[in-house]
N, C-alpha and C. Protein backbone atom coordinates (compact mmCIF):
# COMPACT_ATOMS: atom_id res chain seq x y z
N UNK A 1 0.85 -1.18 0.00
CA UNK A 1 0.00 0.00 0.00
C UNK A 1 0.90 1.24 0.00
N UNK A 2 0.34 2.32 -0.44
CA UNK A 2 1.13 3.54 -0.49
C UNK A 2 1.16 4.28 0.84
N UNK A 3 0.41 3.79 1.84
CA UNK A 3 0.41 4.36 3.19
C UNK A 3 -0.23 3.33 4.12
N UNK A 4 -0.11 3.55 5.40
CA UNK A 4 -0.76 2.67 6.37
C UNK A 4 -2.24 3.02 6.41
N UNK A 5 -3.14 2.09 6.05
CA UNK A 5 -4.57 2.42 6.02
C UNK A 5 -5.14 2.77 7.40
N UNK A 6 -4.45 2.39 8.47
CA UNK A 6 -4.91 2.80 9.81
C UNK A 6 -4.72 4.30 9.99
N UNK A 7 -3.67 4.85 9.36
CA UNK A 7 -3.39 6.27 9.48
C UNK A 7 -4.01 7.09 8.34
N UNK A 8 -4.17 6.45 7.19
CA UNK A 8 -4.69 7.16 6.02
C UNK A 8 -5.71 6.26 5.30
N UNK A 9 -6.99 6.44 5.56
CA UNK A 9 -8.01 5.57 4.97
C UNK A 9 -8.02 5.57 3.44
N UNK A 10 -7.47 6.61 2.80
CA UNK A 10 -7.44 6.69 1.35
C UNK A 10 -6.28 5.91 0.73
N UNK A 11 -5.54 5.16 1.54
CA UNK A 11 -4.40 4.39 1.04
C UNK A 11 -4.86 3.43 -0.06
N UNK A 12 -4.01 3.24 -1.06
CA UNK A 12 -4.34 2.34 -2.17
C UNK A 12 -3.30 1.23 -2.27
N UNK A 13 -3.73 0.10 -2.80
CA UNK A 13 -2.84 -1.03 -3.00
C UNK A 13 -1.87 -0.74 -4.15
N UNK A 14 -0.64 -1.20 -4.00
CA UNK A 14 0.35 -1.14 -5.07
C UNK A 14 0.49 -2.57 -5.57
N UNK A 15 0.02 -2.88 -6.78
CA UNK A 15 0.00 -4.27 -7.23
C UNK A 15 1.37 -4.87 -7.49
N UNK A 16 2.35 -4.03 -7.86
CA UNK A 16 3.67 -4.57 -8.20
C UNK A 16 4.76 -3.57 -7.84
N UNK A 17 5.84 -4.09 -7.26
CA UNK A 17 7.02 -3.28 -6.94
C UNK A 17 8.27 -4.07 -7.32
N UNK A 18 9.37 -3.33 -7.49
CA UNK A 18 10.64 -3.99 -7.75
C UNK A 18 11.39 -4.20 -6.43
N UNK A 19 12.34 -5.13 -6.45
CA UNK A 19 13.17 -5.36 -5.26
C UNK A 19 13.82 -4.06 -4.81
N UNK A 20 14.35 -3.30 -5.76
CA UNK A 20 15.05 -2.05 -5.44
C UNK A 20 14.12 -1.08 -4.70
N UNK A 21 12.89 -0.94 -5.19
CA UNK A 21 11.95 -0.03 -4.54
C UNK A 21 11.60 -0.47 -3.13
N UNK A 22 11.42 -1.78 -2.94
CA UNK A 22 11.07 -2.30 -1.62
C UNK A 22 12.22 -2.10 -0.63
N UNK A 23 13.44 -2.35 -1.08
CA UNK A 23 14.61 -2.13 -0.22
C UNK A 23 14.70 -0.66 0.18
N UNK A 24 14.47 0.23 -0.77
CA UNK A 24 14.50 1.67 -0.48
C UNK A 24 13.39 2.07 0.49
N UNK A 25 12.19 1.53 0.28
CA UNK A 25 11.08 1.84 1.19
C UNK A 25 11.39 1.36 2.61
N UNK A 26 11.96 0.17 2.73
CA UNK A 26 12.31 -0.37 4.04
C UNK A 26 13.39 0.48 4.70
N UNK A 27 14.34 0.92 3.90
CA UNK A 27 15.42 1.78 4.43
C UNK A 27 14.84 3.06 5.03
N UNK A 28 13.81 3.60 4.39
CA UNK A 28 13.22 4.85 4.86
C UNK A 28 12.08 4.65 5.86
N UNK A 29 11.87 3.42 6.33
CA UNK A 29 10.95 3.24 7.44
C UNK A 29 9.77 2.31 7.23
N UNK A 30 9.53 1.83 6.02
CA UNK A 30 8.43 0.87 5.83
C UNK A 30 8.75 -0.37 6.65
N UNK A 31 7.79 -0.84 7.43
CA UNK A 31 8.07 -1.90 8.38
C UNK A 31 7.48 -3.26 8.00
N UNK A 32 6.92 -3.38 6.82
CA UNK A 32 6.31 -4.65 6.43
C UNK A 32 7.38 -5.68 6.10
N UNK A 33 8.44 -5.27 5.41
CA UNK A 33 9.48 -6.20 4.98
C UNK A 33 10.85 -5.64 5.36
N UNK A 34 11.67 -6.48 5.95
CA UNK A 34 13.02 -6.09 6.30
C UNK A 34 13.91 -6.18 5.06
N UNK A 35 14.80 -5.20 4.84
CA UNK A 35 15.64 -5.21 3.63
C UNK A 35 16.48 -6.49 3.49
N UNK A 36 16.90 -7.08 4.60
CA UNK A 36 17.71 -8.30 4.52
C UNK A 36 16.89 -9.50 4.04
N UNK A 37 15.57 -9.40 4.07
CA UNK A 37 14.71 -10.45 3.55
C UNK A 37 14.68 -10.41 2.02
N UNK A 38 14.75 -9.23 1.46
CA UNK A 38 14.61 -9.04 0.02
C UNK A 38 15.86 -9.43 -0.75
N UNK A 39 17.03 -9.13 -0.21
CA UNK A 39 18.28 -9.34 -0.96
C UNK A 39 18.47 -10.78 -1.44
N UNK A 40 18.27 -11.83 -0.61
CA UNK A 40 18.42 -13.20 -1.12
C UNK A 40 17.42 -13.52 -2.23
N UNK A 41 16.19 -13.00 -2.13
CA UNK A 41 15.20 -13.21 -3.19
C UNK A 41 15.65 -12.53 -4.48
N UNK A 42 16.17 -11.33 -4.34
CA UNK A 42 16.67 -10.58 -5.49
C UNK A 42 17.83 -11.33 -6.15
N UNK A 43 18.74 -11.86 -5.35
CA UNK A 43 19.90 -12.58 -5.89
C UNK A 43 19.49 -13.79 -6.72
N UNK A 44 18.42 -14.47 -6.34
CA UNK A 44 17.94 -15.67 -7.04
C UNK A 44 16.76 -15.39 -7.96
N UNK A 45 16.36 -14.10 -8.05
CA UNK A 45 15.23 -13.67 -8.87
C UNK A 45 13.94 -14.44 -8.52
N UNK A 46 13.67 -14.54 -7.23
CA UNK A 46 12.47 -15.22 -6.73
C UNK A 46 11.41 -14.15 -6.40
N UNK A 47 10.24 -14.21 -7.03
CA UNK A 47 9.20 -13.23 -6.71
C UNK A 47 8.63 -13.45 -5.32
N UNK A 48 8.18 -12.38 -4.69
CA UNK A 48 7.57 -12.44 -3.37
C UNK A 48 6.16 -11.87 -3.46
N UNK A 49 5.18 -12.63 -3.02
CA UNK A 49 3.80 -12.15 -2.94
C UNK A 49 3.51 -11.73 -1.52
N UNK A 50 3.18 -10.48 -1.33
CA UNK A 50 2.86 -9.95 0.00
C UNK A 50 1.35 -9.81 0.09
N UNK A 51 0.75 -10.49 1.07
CA UNK A 51 -0.70 -10.49 1.22
C UNK A 51 -1.08 -10.11 2.65
N UNK A 52 -2.31 -9.67 2.81
CA UNK A 52 -2.88 -9.39 4.12
C UNK A 52 -3.25 -10.73 4.76
N UNK A 53 -2.61 -11.08 5.86
CA UNK A 53 -2.88 -12.38 6.47
C UNK A 53 -4.24 -12.44 7.16
N UNK A 54 -4.87 -11.30 7.40
CA UNK A 54 -6.20 -11.29 8.00
C UNK A 54 -7.30 -11.51 6.96
N UNK A 55 -7.00 -11.15 5.70
CA UNK A 55 -7.97 -11.34 4.61
C UNK A 55 -7.19 -11.62 3.33
N UNK A 56 -6.91 -12.88 3.07
CA UNK A 56 -6.09 -13.26 1.91
C UNK A 56 -6.81 -13.03 0.58
N UNK A 57 -8.10 -12.72 0.62
CA UNK A 57 -8.85 -12.44 -0.61
C UNK A 57 -8.53 -11.04 -1.15
N UNK A 58 -8.01 -10.17 -0.30
CA UNK A 58 -7.64 -8.83 -0.76
C UNK A 58 -6.44 -8.92 -1.70
N UNK A 59 -6.36 -7.98 -2.65
CA UNK A 59 -5.20 -8.01 -3.55
C UNK A 59 -3.93 -7.69 -2.78
N UNK A 60 -2.85 -8.29 -3.18
CA UNK A 60 -1.58 -8.06 -2.52
C UNK A 60 -0.62 -7.33 -3.45
N UNK A 61 0.66 -7.45 -3.14
CA UNK A 61 1.71 -6.83 -3.93
C UNK A 61 2.71 -7.91 -4.31
N UNK A 62 3.10 -7.94 -5.59
CA UNK A 62 4.12 -8.86 -6.07
C UNK A 62 5.42 -8.07 -6.20
N UNK A 63 6.47 -8.61 -5.60
CA UNK A 63 7.78 -7.96 -5.65
C UNK A 63 8.66 -8.80 -6.57
N UNK A 64 9.15 -8.17 -7.65
CA UNK A 64 9.95 -8.85 -8.66
C UNK A 64 11.09 -7.94 -9.11
N UNK A 65 11.84 -8.41 -10.11
CA UNK A 65 12.93 -7.61 -10.65
C UNK A 65 12.44 -6.58 -11.67
N UNK A 66 11.18 -6.71 -12.12
CA UNK A 66 10.65 -5.76 -13.10
C UNK A 66 10.41 -4.40 -12.46
N UNK A 67 10.61 -3.35 -13.25
CA UNK A 67 10.31 -2.00 -12.79
C UNK A 67 8.89 -1.64 -13.23
N UNK A 68 7.95 -1.56 -12.29
CA UNK A 68 6.56 -1.26 -12.67
C UNK A 68 6.41 0.19 -13.14
N UNK A 69 5.37 0.39 -13.91
CA UNK A 69 5.03 1.73 -14.40
C UNK A 69 3.84 2.26 -13.62
N UNK A 70 3.69 3.55 -13.59
CA UNK A 70 2.51 4.20 -13.01
C UNK A 70 2.29 3.85 -11.54
N UNK A 71 3.28 4.07 -10.72
CA UNK A 71 3.11 3.84 -9.28
C UNK A 71 2.34 4.98 -8.65
N UNK A 72 1.50 4.69 -7.66
CA UNK A 72 0.83 5.78 -6.94
C UNK A 72 1.86 6.50 -6.06
N UNK A 73 1.55 7.70 -5.69
CA UNK A 73 2.44 8.46 -4.81
C UNK A 73 2.55 7.74 -3.48
N UNK A 74 3.79 7.58 -3.01
CA UNK A 74 4.01 6.97 -1.70
C UNK A 74 3.93 8.04 -0.64
N UNK A 75 3.26 7.72 0.46
CA UNK A 75 3.06 8.69 1.53
C UNK A 75 3.74 8.21 2.79
N UNK A 76 4.42 9.12 3.45
CA UNK A 76 5.10 8.79 4.70
C UNK A 76 4.58 9.75 5.75
N UNK A 77 4.04 9.19 6.80
CA UNK A 77 3.51 10.01 7.89
C UNK A 77 4.25 9.62 9.16
N UNK A 78 4.80 10.62 9.82
CA UNK A 78 5.52 10.35 11.07
C UNK A 78 4.77 11.05 12.20
N UNK A 79 4.50 10.30 13.23
CA UNK A 79 3.79 10.86 14.37
C UNK A 79 4.18 10.11 15.63
N UNK A 80 4.05 10.79 16.73
CA UNK A 80 4.27 10.16 18.02
C UNK A 80 2.90 9.87 18.62
N UNK A 81 2.68 8.63 18.98
CA UNK A 81 1.41 8.27 19.58
C UNK A 81 1.58 8.17 21.09
N UNK A 82 0.63 8.73 21.79
CA UNK A 82 0.69 8.72 23.26
C UNK A 82 -0.40 7.84 23.80
């Protein structure tokens, strides 16, 4: 997703991302996938399907070596919760 739907209800699914983009997102704070998880998959060109484990019927994101076109704007929100 382009944002955490708990923080931004307008968040949209990103159907496809490249390994490079996912590593960069993780570096800048995305917490769904650790960058060290992606590198071995990238080295062997193994695609990763990321799905919502609470509702597997929802569309997920496929992470591959391809560079997708027309990505939605990624949103980063930082806040301190009390």
